[in-house]
Amino acid sequence: MRGVGRPMYRPNAPAQTPEEYYRVNLFIPIMDHFIISLTNQFSAHQWMAYNVSILVPSMIEHKSFDDLKDSITFYEAYLPSPNLIKEEFQLYKRKWLNEAIEDRPDNAIDAYVRCNGTFFPNIKVLLRIYATLPVTTATGERSFSTLKLVKTYLRSTMSENRLNGLAMMYVHPMINIDIEQVIDKFSKRKNRKLDFGV
């Protein structure tokens, strides 16, 4: 006869209804993982550059200058005349709204090429930043961060006590460990069949 055992891979929070069980035990952990993955994948610089996408003429129709303020503040040092950006945006938007929808550029490179740098110098710089934005990042350091490893450790089962030492070693990498002393302590703890003599 098969019995229901203790869950080994994730804690099951008590729930009164199937909907609550699904929300607490499945949906929230999955969304947490998804948000952390997105946050790790993209830096603040990339999020600010992504906001510049409203300058692509096919997207500008329902956008306002307020949608661009954070990016302008972030990239202010790169702009030739940041004090004129609001007026420049208004003229740029009016220029593209007078064009037929099918004639408006629909990507960053076409928008950059068709932007007149003489009349719209700040927008030209912002479009250059947006056009050169990498599609993905390839930094391994953030993918294997201590926080991610500790969260994985916390999600593991309670019966895996052996991970305590490994997690502590990873969180405190500056502590020097004497391998000889570790082997001696381990071999004296229990009578093992392995020979730990060095």
N, C-alpha and C. Protein backbone atom coordinates (compact mmCIF):
# COMPACT_ATOMS: atom_id res chain seq x y z
N MET A 1 0.85 -1.17 0.00
CA MET A 1 0.00 0.00 0.00
C MET A 1 0.90 1.24 0.00
N ARG A 2 0.60 2.16 -0.86
CA ARG A 2 1.40 3.37 -1.01
C ARG A 2 0.86 4.46 -0.09
N GLY A 3 1.75 5.10 0.66
CA GLY A 3 1.36 6.18 1.56
C GLY A 3 1.88 7.51 1.06
N VAL A 4 1.37 8.54 1.61
CA VAL A 4 1.81 9.89 1.26
C VAL A 4 2.97 10.25 2.17
N GLY A 5 4.12 10.50 1.58
CA GLY A 5 5.30 10.84 2.36
C GLY A 5 5.48 12.33 2.49
N ARG A 6 6.51 12.68 3.23
CA ARG A 6 6.85 14.08 3.43
C ARG A 6 7.37 14.64 2.11
N PRO A 7 6.92 15.84 1.70
CA PRO A 7 7.42 16.42 0.45
C PRO A 7 8.92 16.70 0.57
N MET A 8 9.66 16.34 -0.45
CA MET A 8 11.11 16.46 -0.40
C MET A 8 11.65 17.71 -1.10
N TYR A 9 10.94 18.26 -2.04
CA TYR A 9 11.52 19.30 -2.87
C TYR A 9 11.00 20.70 -2.62
N ARG A 10 9.87 20.86 -2.02
CA ARG A 10 9.38 22.19 -1.71
C ARG A 10 8.43 22.11 -0.53
N PRO A 11 8.39 23.15 0.27
CA PRO A 11 7.45 23.14 1.39
C PRO A 11 6.03 23.39 0.89
N ASN A 12 5.10 22.67 1.44
CA ASN A 12 3.70 22.89 1.09
C ASN A 12 3.05 23.68 2.21
N ALA A 13 2.72 24.91 1.91
CA ALA A 13 2.04 25.74 2.90
C ALA A 13 0.59 25.28 3.00
N PRO A 14 0.03 25.34 4.20
CA PRO A 14 -1.36 24.91 4.33
C PRO A 14 -2.28 25.83 3.53
N ALA A 15 -3.28 25.23 2.92
CA ALA A 15 -4.23 26.00 2.11
C ALA A 15 -5.63 25.44 2.32
N GLN A 16 -6.59 26.33 2.28
CA GLN A 16 -7.99 25.95 2.49
C GLN A 16 -8.66 25.52 1.20
N THR A 17 -8.22 26.08 0.08
CA THR A 17 -8.85 25.77 -1.20
C THR A 17 -7.77 25.41 -2.21
N PRO A 18 -8.15 24.73 -3.28
CA PRO A 18 -7.16 24.43 -4.33
C PRO A 18 -6.57 25.71 -4.95
N GLU A 19 -7.39 26.75 -5.08
CA GLU A 19 -6.89 28.01 -5.64
C GLU A 19 -5.81 28.61 -4.74
N GLU A 20 -6.04 28.59 -3.44
CA GLU A 20 -5.07 29.13 -2.50
C GLU A 20 -3.79 28.29 -2.51
N TYR A 21 -3.94 26.96 -2.57
CA TYR A 21 -2.78 26.08 -2.65
C TYR A 21 -1.94 26.42 -3.89
N TYR A 22 -2.61 26.53 -5.03
CA TYR A 22 -1.93 26.85 -6.28
C TYR A 22 -1.20 28.19 -6.18
N ARG A 23 -1.87 29.20 -5.63
CA ARG A 23 -1.29 30.53 -5.53
C ARG A 23 -0.06 30.53 -4.62
N VAL A 24 -0.19 29.93 -3.43
CA VAL A 24 0.88 29.99 -2.43
C VAL A 24 2.05 29.06 -2.77
N ASN A 25 1.75 27.85 -3.22
CA ASN A 25 2.81 26.86 -3.41
C ASN A 25 3.38 26.80 -4.81
N LEU A 26 2.67 27.31 -5.80
CA LEU A 26 3.18 27.25 -7.16
C LEU A 26 3.37 28.62 -7.79
N PHE A 27 2.31 29.41 -7.83
CA PHE A 27 2.36 30.67 -8.56
C PHE A 27 3.37 31.65 -7.97
N ILE A 28 3.31 31.89 -6.67
CA ILE A 28 4.20 32.88 -6.05
C ILE A 28 5.67 32.48 -6.17
N PRO A 29 6.06 31.21 -5.89
CA PRO A 29 7.48 30.85 -6.08
C PRO A 29 7.94 30.97 -7.54
N ILE A 30 7.07 30.62 -8.47
CA ILE A 30 7.45 30.72 -9.89
C ILE A 30 7.63 32.18 -10.28
N MET A 31 6.71 33.04 -9.85
CA MET A 31 6.83 34.46 -10.16
C MET A 31 8.07 35.07 -9.49
N ASP A 32 8.37 34.65 -8.27
CA ASP A 32 9.56 35.12 -7.57
C ASP A 32 10.81 34.76 -8.37
N HIS A 33 10.88 33.53 -8.83
CA HIS A 33 12.01 33.07 -9.63
C HIS A 33 12.10 33.86 -10.94
N PHE A 34 10.97 34.09 -11.58
CA PHE A 34 10.93 34.82 -12.85
C PHE A 34 11.42 36.26 -12.67
N ILE A 35 10.96 36.93 -11.63
CA ILE A 35 11.35 38.32 -11.37
C ILE A 35 12.84 38.41 -11.06
N ILE A 36 13.34 37.48 -10.26
CA ILE A 36 14.78 37.47 -9.93
C ILE A 36 15.61 37.24 -11.19
N SER A 37 15.15 36.33 -12.05
CA SER A 37 15.88 36.07 -13.30
C SER A 37 15.93 37.30 -14.19
N LEU A 38 14.81 38.00 -14.32
CA LEU A 38 14.79 39.22 -15.13
C LEU A 38 15.67 40.30 -14.53
N THR A 39 15.60 40.45 -13.22
CA THR A 39 16.41 41.47 -12.55
C THR A 39 17.89 41.18 -12.73
N ASN A 40 18.28 39.92 -12.62
CA ASN A 40 19.68 39.55 -12.80
C ASN A 40 20.13 39.73 -14.24
N GLN A 41 19.23 39.52 -15.17
CA GLN A 41 19.59 39.56 -16.58
C GLN A 41 19.85 40.97 -17.08
N PHE A 42 19.10 41.94 -16.59
CA PHE A 42 19.20 43.29 -17.11
C PHE A 42 19.65 44.27 -16.05
N SER A 43 20.62 45.09 -16.40
CA SER A 43 21.12 46.10 -15.46
C SER A 43 20.25 47.35 -15.53
N ALA A 44 20.47 48.27 -14.61
CA ALA A 44 19.73 49.54 -14.59
C ALA A 44 19.97 50.32 -15.88
N HIS A 45 21.19 50.24 -16.39
CA HIS A 45 21.51 50.93 -17.63
C HIS A 45 20.64 50.41 -18.78
N GLN A 46 20.44 49.10 -18.84
CA GLN A 46 19.63 48.54 -19.91
C GLN A 46 18.16 48.90 -19.76
N TRP A 47 17.66 48.94 -18.52
CA TRP A 47 16.26 49.33 -18.32
C TRP A 47 16.05 50.78 -18.74
N MET A 48 16.99 51.66 -18.42
CA MET A 48 16.86 53.06 -18.81
C MET A 48 16.93 53.20 -20.33
N ALA A 49 17.82 52.44 -20.94
CA ALA A 49 17.92 52.50 -22.40
C ALA A 49 16.65 51.94 -23.05
N TYR A 50 16.06 50.95 -22.42
CA TYR A 50 14.81 50.39 -22.96
C TYR A 50 13.71 51.44 -22.96
N ASN A 51 13.67 52.32 -21.96
CA ASN A 51 12.66 53.39 -21.92
C ASN A 51 12.81 54.35 -23.09
N VAL A 52 13.99 54.41 -23.68
CA VAL A 52 14.23 55.28 -24.83
C VAL A 52 13.48 54.75 -26.06
N SER A 53 13.00 53.54 -26.00
CA SER A 53 12.30 52.95 -27.15
C SER A 53 11.09 53.76 -27.58
N ILE A 54 10.59 54.63 -26.72
CA ILE A 54 9.45 55.45 -27.12
C ILE A 54 9.83 56.45 -28.20
N LEU A 55 11.12 56.66 -28.43
CA LEU A 55 11.56 57.57 -29.49
C LEU A 55 11.50 56.94 -30.87
N VAL A 56 11.27 55.64 -30.94
CA VAL A 56 11.07 55.00 -32.24
C VAL A 56 9.74 55.52 -32.78
N PRO A 57 9.74 56.14 -33.96
CA PRO A 57 8.55 56.83 -34.45
C PRO A 57 7.27 56.01 -34.49
N SER A 58 7.35 54.71 -34.71
CA SER A 58 6.13 53.91 -34.74
C SER A 58 5.51 53.75 -33.35
N MET A 59 6.25 54.08 -32.29
CA MET A 59 5.76 53.93 -30.92
C MET A 59 5.46 55.26 -30.24
N ILE A 60 5.77 56.36 -30.88
CA ILE A 60 5.74 57.66 -30.22
C ILE A 60 4.34 58.26 -30.08
N GLU A 61 3.40 57.78 -30.85
CA GLU A 61 2.08 58.42 -30.93
C GLU A 61 1.39 58.60 -29.59
N HIS A 62 1.37 57.57 -28.77
CA HIS A 62 0.64 57.63 -27.49
C HIS A 62 1.56 57.86 -26.29
N LYS A 63 2.75 58.36 -26.55
CA LYS A 63 3.72 58.59 -25.47
C LYS A 63 3.87 60.08 -25.20
N SER A 64 4.31 60.37 -23.98
CA SER A 64 4.53 61.77 -23.62
C SER A 64 5.97 61.95 -23.14
N PHE A 65 6.36 63.18 -22.93
CA PHE A 65 7.70 63.48 -22.46
C PHE A 65 7.95 62.88 -21.08
N ASP A 66 6.91 62.78 -20.26
CA ASP A 66 7.06 62.21 -18.91
C ASP A 66 7.55 60.76 -18.95
N ASP A 67 7.21 60.03 -20.01
CA ASP A 67 7.66 58.64 -20.15
C ASP A 67 9.17 58.56 -20.36
N LEU A 68 9.77 59.66 -20.74
CA LEU A 68 11.19 59.69 -21.08
C LEU A 68 12.06 60.34 -20.00
N LYS A 69 11.43 60.94 -18.99
CA LYS A 69 12.17 61.74 -18.01
C LYS A 69 13.27 60.96 -17.28
N ASP A 70 12.97 59.74 -16.83
CA ASP A 70 13.98 58.96 -16.10
C ASP A 70 15.21 58.68 -16.96
N SER A 71 14.97 58.35 -18.21
CA SER A 71 16.10 58.07 -19.12
C SER A 71 16.91 59.33 -19.38
N ILE A 72 16.24 60.45 -19.52
CA ILE A 72 16.96 61.71 -19.75
C ILE A 72 17.83 62.06 -18.55
N THR A 73 17.29 61.88 -17.36
CA THR A 73 18.07 62.13 -16.15
C THR A 73 19.28 61.20 -16.08
N PHE A 74 19.07 59.94 -16.43
CA PHE A 74 20.13 58.93 -16.38
C PHE A 74 21.24 59.24 -17.39
N TYR A 75 20.87 59.68 -18.60
CA TYR A 75 21.85 59.92 -19.67
C TYR A 75 22.17 61.40 -19.87
N GLU A 76 21.85 62.23 -18.92
CA GLU A 76 22.02 63.68 -19.07
C GLU A 76 23.46 64.07 -19.42
N ALA A 77 24.42 63.38 -18.87
CA ALA A 77 25.83 63.72 -19.13
C ALA A 77 26.22 63.49 -20.59
N TYR A 78 25.51 62.65 -21.30
CA TYR A 78 25.84 62.34 -22.69
C TYR A 78 25.12 63.24 -23.69
N LEU A 79 24.14 63.99 -23.23
CA LEU A 79 23.33 64.82 -24.13
C LEU A 79 24.02 66.16 -24.39
N PRO A 80 24.03 66.62 -25.65
CA PRO A 80 24.70 67.89 -25.97
C PRO A 80 24.01 69.11 -25.35
N SER A 81 22.69 69.10 -25.27
CA SER A 81 21.98 70.23 -24.66
C SER A 81 20.72 69.72 -23.96
N PRO A 82 20.90 69.15 -22.76
CA PRO A 82 19.77 68.53 -22.06
C PRO A 82 18.67 69.52 -21.66
N ASN A 83 18.98 70.79 -21.58
CA ASN A 83 17.96 71.77 -21.19
C ASN A 83 16.93 72.01 -22.31
N LEU A 84 17.23 71.58 -23.53
CA LEU A 84 16.31 71.76 -24.66
C LEU A 84 15.56 70.49 -25.05
N ILE A 85 15.75 69.42 -24.29
CA ILE A 85 15.21 68.12 -24.71
C ILE A 85 13.69 68.10 -24.77
N LYS A 86 13.02 68.81 -23.87
CA LYS A 86 11.56 68.78 -23.87
C LYS A 86 10.99 69.37 -25.17
N GLU A 87 11.50 70.52 -25.56
CA GLU A 87 11.04 71.15 -26.81
C GLU A 87 11.43 70.30 -28.01
N GLU A 88 12.62 69.73 -27.94
CA GLU A 88 13.09 68.87 -29.02
C GLU A 88 12.16 67.66 -29.18
N PHE A 89 11.76 67.07 -28.05
CA PHE A 89 10.85 65.93 -28.09
C PHE A 89 9.51 66.32 -28.73
N GLN A 90 8.98 67.49 -28.36
CA GLN A 90 7.69 67.94 -28.91
C GLN A 90 7.78 68.09 -30.44
N LEU A 91 8.85 68.71 -30.92
CA LEU A 91 9.02 68.87 -32.37
C LEU A 91 9.21 67.53 -33.07
N TYR A 92 10.00 66.66 -32.45
CA TYR A 92 10.26 65.33 -33.02
C TYR A 92 8.95 64.53 -33.11
N LYS A 93 8.17 64.59 -32.06
CA LYS A 93 6.89 63.87 -32.06
C LYS A 93 5.96 64.43 -33.13
N ARG A 94 5.87 65.76 -33.22
CA ARG A 94 5.00 66.38 -34.22
C ARG A 94 5.45 66.01 -35.64
N LYS A 95 6.76 65.98 -35.85
CA LYS A 95 7.30 65.60 -37.17
C LYS A 95 6.81 64.23 -37.58
N TRP A 96 6.88 63.25 -36.66
CA TRP A 96 6.50 61.88 -37.03
C TRP A 96 4.99 61.68 -37.05
N LEU A 97 4.25 62.44 -36.29
CA LEU A 97 2.79 62.32 -36.35
C LEU A 97 2.24 62.86 -37.66
N ASN A 98 2.98 63.74 -38.33
CA ASN A 98 2.56 64.25 -39.63
C ASN A 98 2.85 63.27 -40.76
N GLU A 99 3.65 62.25 -40.48
CA GLU A 99 3.96 61.22 -41.49
C GLU A 99 2.92 60.11 -41.42
N ALA A 100 2.74 59.41 -42.51
CA ALA A 100 1.84 58.25 -42.53
C ALA A 100 2.44 57.14 -41.66
N ILE A 101 1.58 56.36 -41.03
CA ILE A 101 2.05 55.31 -40.12
C ILE A 101 3.00 54.34 -40.81
N GLU A 102 2.69 53.98 -42.03
CA GLU A 102 3.54 53.01 -42.74
C GLU A 102 4.90 53.60 -43.13
N ASP A 103 5.03 54.93 -43.12
CA ASP A 103 6.31 55.57 -43.45
C ASP A 103 7.20 55.81 -42.23
N ARG A 104 6.68 55.54 -41.04
CA ARG A 104 7.46 55.77 -39.82
C ARG A 104 8.40 54.58 -39.56
N PRO A 105 9.64 54.87 -39.18
CA PRO A 105 10.55 53.76 -38.82
C PRO A 105 10.00 52.97 -37.64
N ASP A 106 10.23 51.65 -37.68
CA ASP A 106 9.69 50.81 -36.61
C ASP A 106 10.77 50.09 -35.80
N ASN A 107 12.03 50.51 -35.97
CA ASN A 107 13.10 49.95 -35.14
C ASN A 107 14.14 51.03 -34.85
N ALA A 108 15.01 50.75 -33.92
CA ALA A 108 15.96 51.76 -33.43
C ALA A 108 16.95 52.20 -34.50
N ILE A 109 17.42 51.28 -35.30
CA ILE A 109 18.43 51.62 -36.30
C ILE A 109 17.83 52.52 -37.39
N ASP A 110 16.66 52.16 -37.89
CA ASP A 110 16.01 53.02 -38.89
C ASP A 110 15.68 54.39 -38.31
N ALA A 111 15.23 54.42 -37.06
CA ALA A 111 14.93 55.70 -36.42
C ALA A 111 16.19 56.55 -36.29
N TYR A 112 17.30 55.92 -35.93
CA TYR A 112 18.58 56.63 -35.79
C TYR A 112 19.03 57.19 -37.15
N VAL A 113 18.95 56.37 -38.19
CA VAL A 113 19.38 56.79 -39.52
C VAL A 113 18.54 57.95 -40.03
N ARG A 114 17.24 57.92 -39.77
CA ARG A 114 16.34 58.96 -40.30
C ARG A 114 16.20 60.17 -39.38
N CYS A 115 16.86 60.14 -38.22
CA CYS A 115 16.81 61.29 -37.30
C CYS A 115 17.85 62.33 -37.72
N ASN A 116 17.41 63.56 -37.90
CA ASN A 116 18.30 64.65 -38.30
C ASN A 116 19.02 65.17 -37.05
N GLY A 117 20.33 64.91 -36.98
CA GLY A 117 21.13 65.31 -35.82
C GLY A 117 21.28 66.81 -35.66
N THR A 118 21.05 67.57 -36.72
CA THR A 118 21.14 69.02 -36.64
C THR A 118 19.95 69.60 -35.87
N PHE A 119 18.76 69.08 -36.17
CA PHE A 119 17.56 69.58 -35.51
C PHE A 119 17.26 68.87 -34.20
N PHE A 120 17.67 67.60 -34.09
CA PHE A 120 17.35 66.79 -32.91
C PHE A 120 18.63 66.15 -32.34
N PRO A 121 19.59 66.96 -31.87
CA PRO A 121 20.87 66.37 -31.41
C PRO A 121 20.71 65.47 -30.18
N ASN A 122 19.87 65.85 -29.23
CA ASN A 122 19.68 65.03 -28.03
C ASN A 122 19.00 63.71 -28.36
N ILE A 123 17.99 63.77 -29.20
CA ILE A 123 17.26 62.55 -29.57
C ILE A 123 18.16 61.63 -30.39
N LYS A 124 19.01 62.20 -31.22
CA LYS A 124 19.97 61.39 -31.99
C LYS A 124 20.88 60.61 -31.05
N VAL A 125 21.36 61.26 -29.98
CA VAL A 125 22.23 60.58 -29.00
C VAL A 125 21.46 59.48 -28.28
N LEU A 126 20.24 59.77 -27.85
CA LEU A 126 19.43 58.75 -27.16
C LEU A 126 19.13 57.57 -28.07
N LEU A 127 18.85 57.83 -29.34
CA LEU A 127 18.60 56.73 -30.28
C LEU A 127 19.87 55.91 -30.52
N ARG A 128 21.04 56.57 -30.52
CA ARG A 128 22.30 55.84 -30.67
C ARG A 128 22.50 54.89 -29.49
N ILE A 129 22.21 55.37 -28.29
CA ILE A 129 22.33 54.53 -27.10
C ILE A 129 21.38 53.34 -27.21
N TYR A 130 20.15 53.60 -27.60
CA TYR A 130 19.15 52.53 -27.71
C TYR A 130 19.51 51.54 -28.82
N ALA A 131 20.03 52.03 -29.94
CA ALA A 131 20.36 51.15 -31.06
C ALA A 131 21.55 50.25 -30.75
N THR A 132 22.43 50.69 -29.87
CA THR A 132 23.61 49.88 -29.55
C THR A 132 23.41 49.02 -28.30
N LEU A 133 22.22 49.01 -27.78
CA LEU A 133 21.92 48.20 -26.59
C LEU A 133 22.03 46.72 -26.94
N PRO A 134 22.80 45.94 -26.19
CA PRO A 134 22.88 44.51 -26.49
C PRO A 134 21.56 43.81 -26.23
N VAL A 135 21.30 42.79 -27.02
CA VAL A 135 20.04 42.05 -26.89
C VAL A 135 20.02 41.27 -25.59
N THR A 136 21.13 40.68 -25.20
CA THR A 136 21.22 39.95 -23.94
C THR A 136 22.52 40.32 -23.25
N THR A 137 22.67 39.82 -22.05
CA THR A 137 23.93 39.99 -21.34
C THR A 137 24.57 38.62 -21.17
N ALA A 138 25.87 38.61 -21.08
CA ALA A 138 26.57 37.35 -20.94
C ALA A 138 27.46 37.35 -19.70
N THR A 139 27.03 38.03 -18.66
CA THR A 139 27.83 38.08 -17.45
C THR A 139 27.47 36.92 -16.54
N GLY A 140 28.45 36.08 -16.28
CA GLY A 140 28.22 34.93 -15.43
C GLY A 140 28.22 35.27 -13.96
N GLU A 141 28.85 36.39 -13.59
CA GLU A 141 28.96 36.73 -12.17
C GLU A 141 27.59 36.89 -11.52
N ARG A 142 26.68 37.57 -12.21
CA ARG A 142 25.37 37.80 -11.61
C ARG A 142 24.54 36.52 -11.59
N SER A 143 24.77 35.65 -12.57
CA SER A 143 23.99 34.42 -12.63
C SER A 143 24.31 33.49 -11.46
N PHE A 144 25.54 33.54 -10.98
CA PHE A 144 25.94 32.65 -9.90
C PHE A 144 26.20 33.43 -8.62
N SER A 145 25.36 34.35 -8.32
CA SER A 145 25.57 35.20 -7.15
C SER A 145 25.32 34.42 -5.86
N THR A 146 25.87 34.94 -4.80
CA THR A 146 25.68 34.32 -3.49
C THR A 146 24.22 34.29 -3.11
N LEU A 147 23.50 35.37 -3.38
CA LEU A 147 22.09 35.42 -3.03
C LEU A 147 21.31 34.31 -3.73
N LYS A 148 21.62 34.08 -5.00
CA LYS A 148 20.92 33.03 -5.74
C LYS A 148 21.23 31.66 -5.14
N LEU A 149 22.49 31.42 -4.79
CA LEU A 149 22.85 30.13 -4.20
C LEU A 149 22.20 29.95 -2.83
N VAL A 150 22.16 31.01 -2.03
CA VAL A 150 21.54 30.90 -0.71
C VAL A 150 20.04 30.66 -0.85
N LYS A 151 19.40 31.34 -1.80
CA LYS A 151 17.95 31.12 -2.01
C LYS A 151 17.69 29.68 -2.45
N THR A 152 18.55 29.16 -3.32
CA THR A 152 18.41 27.76 -3.73
C THR A 152 18.58 26.85 -2.53
N TYR A 153 19.56 27.17 -1.69
CA TYR A 153 19.79 26.39 -0.48
C TYR A 153 18.56 26.43 0.43
N LEU A 154 17.97 27.60 0.59
CA LEU A 154 16.80 27.72 1.46
C LEU A 154 15.60 26.97 0.90
N ARG A 155 15.54 26.83 -0.41
CA ARG A 155 14.42 26.10 -1.02
C ARG A 155 14.63 24.59 -0.96
N SER A 156 15.83 24.14 -0.66
CA SER A 156 16.10 22.70 -0.63
C SER A 156 15.44 22.08 0.60
N THR A 157 15.48 20.76 0.66
CA THR A 157 14.77 20.07 1.74
C THR A 157 15.46 20.26 3.08
N MET A 158 14.67 20.08 4.13
CA MET A 158 15.19 20.24 5.48
C MET A 158 16.13 19.10 5.86
N SER A 159 16.02 17.96 5.18
CA SER A 159 16.84 16.81 5.54
C SER A 159 18.26 16.90 4.99
N GLU A 160 18.57 17.88 4.20
CA GLU A 160 19.90 18.01 3.63
C GLU A 160 20.78 18.88 4.52
N ASN A 161 21.08 18.40 5.69
CA ASN A 161 21.89 19.16 6.65
C ASN A 161 23.33 19.34 6.17
N ARG A 162 23.76 18.48 5.29
CA ARG A 162 25.14 18.57 4.82
C ARG A 162 25.40 19.86 4.05
N LEU A 163 24.35 20.54 3.58
CA LEU A 163 24.54 21.79 2.86
C LEU A 163 24.87 22.96 3.77
N ASN A 164 24.66 22.80 5.08
CA ASN A 164 24.94 23.90 6.01
C ASN A 164 26.38 24.38 5.88
N GLY A 165 27.30 23.44 5.97
CA GLY A 165 28.71 23.80 5.90
C GLY A 165 29.10 24.38 4.55
N LEU A 166 28.57 23.80 3.48
CA LEU A 166 28.88 24.30 2.15
C LEU A 166 28.37 25.72 1.94
N ALA A 167 27.16 25.98 2.43
CA ALA A 167 26.60 27.33 2.30
C ALA A 167 27.43 28.33 3.11
N MET A 168 27.84 27.94 4.30
CA MET A 168 28.65 28.83 5.13
C MET A 168 30.01 29.09 4.48
N MET A 169 30.59 28.06 3.88
CA MET A 169 31.88 28.24 3.21
C MET A 169 31.75 29.19 2.02
N TYR A 170 30.64 29.11 1.32
CA TYR A 170 30.46 29.97 0.16
C TYR A 170 30.18 31.42 0.56
N VAL A 171 29.40 31.60 1.61
CA VAL A 171 29.06 32.94 2.06
C VAL A 171 30.27 33.64 2.67
N HIS A 172 31.16 32.87 3.31
CA HIS A 172 32.36 33.44 3.94
C HIS A 172 33.62 32.88 3.26
N PRO A 173 33.92 33.30 2.04
CA PRO A 173 35.05 32.70 1.31
C PRO A 173 36.42 33.12 1.83
N MET A 174 36.50 34.16 2.66
CA MET A 174 37.79 34.63 3.14
C MET A 174 38.33 33.81 4.31
N ILE A 175 37.51 32.98 4.90
CA ILE A 175 37.96 32.16 6.02
C ILE A 175 38.82 31.02 5.48
N ASN A 176 40.04 30.93 5.98
CA ASN A 176 40.94 29.86 5.55
C ASN A 176 40.59 28.57 6.28
N ILE A 177 40.55 27.49 5.53
CA ILE A 177 40.19 26.18 6.09
C ILE A 177 41.40 25.27 6.00
N ASP A 178 41.78 24.70 7.14
CA ASP A 178 42.88 23.75 7.18
C ASP A 178 42.34 22.37 6.82
N ILE A 179 42.67 21.89 5.64
CA ILE A 179 42.14 20.62 5.14
C ILE A 179 42.55 19.46 6.05
N GLU A 180 43.77 19.48 6.54
CA GLU A 180 44.25 18.41 7.43
C GLU A 180 43.38 18.33 8.69
N GLN A 181 43.06 19.48 9.26
CA GLN A 181 42.24 19.51 10.47
C GLN A 181 40.82 19.00 10.18
N VAL A 182 40.27 19.35 9.04
CA VAL A 182 38.93 18.88 8.67
C VAL A 182 38.93 17.37 8.53
N ILE A 183 39.93 16.82 7.86
CA ILE A 183 40.00 15.37 7.67
C ILE A 183 40.16 14.66 9.02
N ASP A 184 41.00 15.21 9.90
CA ASP A 184 41.18 14.60 11.23
C ASP A 184 39.88 14.59 12.02
N LYS A 185 39.16 15.72 12.04
CA LYS A 185 37.89 15.79 12.77
C LYS A 185 36.87 14.82 12.19
N PHE A 186 36.81 14.76 10.87
CA PHE A 186 35.84 13.89 10.21
C PHE A 186 36.15 12.42 10.49
N SER A 187 37.42 12.07 10.44
CA SER A 187 37.77 10.66 10.64
C SER A 187 37.59 10.22 12.10
N LYS A 188 37.69 11.14 13.05
CA LYS A 188 37.51 10.80 14.46
C LYS A 188 36.05 10.78 14.88
N ARG A 189 35.18 11.36 14.10
CA ARG A 189 33.76 11.43 14.46
C ARG A 189 33.10 10.07 14.49
N LYS A 190 33.30 9.29 13.45
CA LYS A 190 32.70 7.96 13.37
C LYS A 190 33.73 7.00 12.80
N ASN A 191 33.52 5.76 13.07
CA ASN A 191 34.40 4.74 12.54
C ASN A 191 34.00 4.49 11.09
N ARG A 192 34.78 4.99 10.17
CA ARG A 192 34.48 4.85 8.75
C ARG A 192 35.33 3.74 8.16
N LYS A 193 34.88 3.24 7.03
CA LYS A 193 35.63 2.20 6.35
C LYS A 193 36.74 2.78 5.48
N LEU A 194 36.67 4.09 5.23
CA LEU A 194 37.67 4.72 4.38
C LEU A 194 38.91 5.08 5.20
N ASP A 195 40.05 5.04 4.57
CA ASP A 195 41.30 5.40 5.23
C ASP A 195 41.61 6.86 4.91
N PHE A 196 41.67 7.70 5.94
CA PHE A 196 41.92 9.12 5.75
C PHE A 196 43.34 9.50 6.11
N GLY A 197 44.22 8.57 6.19
CA GLY A 197 45.61 8.88 6.50
C GLY A 197 46.27 9.60 5.34
N VAL A 198 47.05 10.62 5.67
CA VAL A 198 47.71 11.40 4.61
C VAL A 198 49.19 11.21 4.71
